[in-house]
Amino acid sequence: MTANVFREDIEKCLESGMNGHVGKPLDFDEVLASLRKCLKKARQPA
């Protein structure tokens, strides 16, 4: 989660290995969707 929401900032976050990007101000539905996506990946067998 960050206040940096310019396209360049988002790309830097993702390139550095972050799983996603949620910018401020928070959209609670976006936060939940991002968490569900990460949790779903974590549950998949390696």
N, C-alpha and C. Protein backbone atom coordinates (compact mmCIF):
# COMPACT_ATOMS: atom_id res chain seq x y z
N MET A 1 0.85 -1.16 0.00
CA MET A 1 0.00 0.00 0.00
C MET A 1 0.90 1.23 0.00
N THR A 2 0.56 2.16 -0.83
CA THR A 2 1.38 3.36 -0.95
C THR A 2 0.55 4.53 -1.45
N ALA A 3 1.05 5.71 -1.21
CA ALA A 3 0.41 6.91 -1.73
C ALA A 3 0.91 7.21 -3.15
N ASN A 4 1.94 6.50 -3.59
CA ASN A 4 2.49 6.71 -4.93
C ASN A 4 1.64 5.95 -5.94
N VAL A 5 0.91 6.68 -6.77
CA VAL A 5 -0.01 6.03 -7.69
C VAL A 5 0.25 6.36 -9.16
N PHE A 6 1.38 6.99 -9.46
CA PHE A 6 1.72 7.22 -10.85
C PHE A 6 2.11 5.88 -11.48
N ARG A 7 1.85 5.74 -12.77
CA ARG A 7 2.13 4.49 -13.48
C ARG A 7 3.58 4.06 -13.24
N GLU A 8 4.52 4.99 -13.27
CA GLU A 8 5.94 4.66 -13.06
C GLU A 8 6.17 4.07 -11.67
N ASP A 9 5.48 4.61 -10.67
CA ASP A 9 5.62 4.10 -9.30
C ASP A 9 5.08 2.69 -9.18
N ILE A 10 3.94 2.44 -9.82
CA ILE A 10 3.34 1.11 -9.78
C ILE A 10 4.27 0.11 -10.46
N GLU A 11 4.80 0.47 -11.62
CA GLU A 11 5.71 -0.42 -12.34
C GLU A 11 6.96 -0.73 -11.52
N LYS A 12 7.51 0.28 -10.85
CA LYS A 12 8.70 0.05 -10.01
C LYS A 12 8.39 -0.93 -8.88
N CYS A 13 7.21 -0.78 -8.28
CA CYS A 13 6.81 -1.69 -7.20
C CYS A 13 6.74 -3.12 -7.70
N LEU A 14 6.07 -3.31 -8.82
CA LEU A 14 5.89 -4.65 -9.36
C LEU A 14 7.22 -5.25 -9.84
N GLU A 15 8.07 -4.42 -10.44
CA GLU A 15 9.38 -4.88 -10.90
C GLU A 15 10.28 -5.28 -9.74
N SER A 16 10.07 -4.67 -8.58
CA SER A 16 10.90 -4.98 -7.42
C SER A 16 10.49 -6.29 -6.75
N GLY A 17 9.36 -6.88 -7.21
CA GLY A 17 8.94 -8.16 -6.67
C GLY A 17 7.68 -8.13 -5.83
N MET A 18 7.06 -6.97 -5.73
CA MET A 18 5.82 -6.90 -4.97
C MET A 18 4.73 -7.67 -5.71
N ASN A 19 3.80 -8.25 -4.97
CA ASN A 19 2.72 -9.04 -5.56
C ASN A 19 1.64 -8.19 -6.20
N GLY A 20 1.53 -6.96 -5.79
CA GLY A 20 0.50 -6.09 -6.31
C GLY A 20 0.69 -4.67 -5.81
N HIS A 21 -0.29 -3.85 -6.10
CA HIS A 21 -0.20 -2.44 -5.71
C HIS A 21 -1.59 -1.95 -5.33
N VAL A 22 -1.71 -1.36 -4.18
CA VAL A 22 -2.95 -0.73 -3.74
C VAL A 22 -2.61 0.69 -3.35
N GLY A 23 -3.16 1.64 -4.06
CA GLY A 23 -2.87 3.04 -3.79
C GLY A 23 -3.87 3.68 -2.85
N LYS A 24 -3.45 4.78 -2.29
CA LYS A 24 -4.33 5.55 -1.42
C LYS A 24 -5.01 6.62 -2.24
N PRO A 25 -6.19 7.05 -1.95
CA PRO A 25 -7.03 6.58 -0.85
C PRO A 25 -7.51 5.16 -1.13
N LEU A 26 -7.65 4.40 -0.07
CA LEU A 26 -8.00 3.00 -0.20
C LEU A 26 -9.42 2.80 -0.69
N ASP A 27 -9.54 1.86 -1.60
CA ASP A 27 -10.85 1.36 -2.02
C ASP A 27 -10.94 -0.02 -1.39
N PHE A 28 -11.80 -0.17 -0.39
CA PHE A 28 -11.84 -1.39 0.40
C PHE A 28 -12.09 -2.62 -0.47
N ASP A 29 -12.91 -2.50 -1.50
CA ASP A 29 -13.15 -3.62 -2.41
C ASP A 29 -11.87 -4.02 -3.14
N GLU A 30 -11.06 -3.04 -3.51
CA GLU A 30 -9.78 -3.32 -4.17
C GLU A 30 -8.82 -4.02 -3.21
N VAL A 31 -8.80 -3.60 -1.96
CA VAL A 31 -7.95 -4.23 -0.96
C VAL A 31 -8.35 -5.70 -0.79
N LEU A 32 -9.64 -5.95 -0.65
CA LEU A 32 -10.12 -7.33 -0.48
C LEU A 32 -9.82 -8.18 -1.71
N ALA A 33 -10.00 -7.62 -2.90
CA ALA A 33 -9.71 -8.37 -4.13
C ALA A 33 -8.23 -8.72 -4.20
N SER A 34 -7.38 -7.79 -3.82
CA SER A 34 -5.94 -8.04 -3.84
C SER A 34 -5.55 -9.12 -2.83
N LEU A 35 -6.13 -9.05 -1.64
CA LEU A 35 -5.85 -10.07 -0.62
C LEU A 35 -6.33 -11.44 -1.07
N ARG A 36 -7.53 -11.51 -1.65
CA ARG A 36 -8.05 -12.79 -2.13
C ARG A 36 -7.14 -13.39 -3.21
N LYS A 37 -6.66 -12.54 -4.10
CA LYS A 37 -5.77 -12.99 -5.17
C LYS A 37 -4.48 -13.58 -4.59
N CYS A 38 -3.89 -12.89 -3.63
CA CYS A 38 -2.65 -13.36 -3.01
C CYS A 38 -2.88 -14.63 -2.21
N LEU A 39 -3.98 -14.69 -1.49
CA LEU A 39 -4.28 -15.88 -0.68
C LEU A 39 -4.56 -17.08 -1.57
N LYS A 40 -5.22 -16.86 -2.69
CA LYS A 40 -5.50 -17.95 -3.62
C LYS A 40 -4.20 -18.52 -4.16
N LYS A 41 -3.26 -17.66 -4.52
CA LYS A 41 -1.95 -18.12 -5.01
C LYS A 41 -1.19 -18.87 -3.93
N ALA A 42 -1.31 -18.41 -2.70
CA ALA A 42 -0.57 -19.03 -1.59
C ALA A 42 -1.10 -20.44 -1.30
N ARG A 43 -2.36 -20.68 -1.60
CA ARG A 43 -2.97 -21.99 -1.33
C ARG A 43 -2.66 -23.01 -2.41
N GLN A 44 -2.23 -22.56 -3.59
CA GLN A 44 -1.95 -23.48 -4.68
C GLN A 44 -0.68 -24.27 -4.39
N PRO A 45 -0.69 -25.56 -4.71
CA PRO A 45 0.51 -26.38 -4.47
C PRO A 45 1.68 -25.88 -5.30
N ALA A 46 2.86 -25.99 -4.75
CA ALA A 46 4.07 -25.51 -5.45
C ALA A 46 4.56 -26.50 -6.47
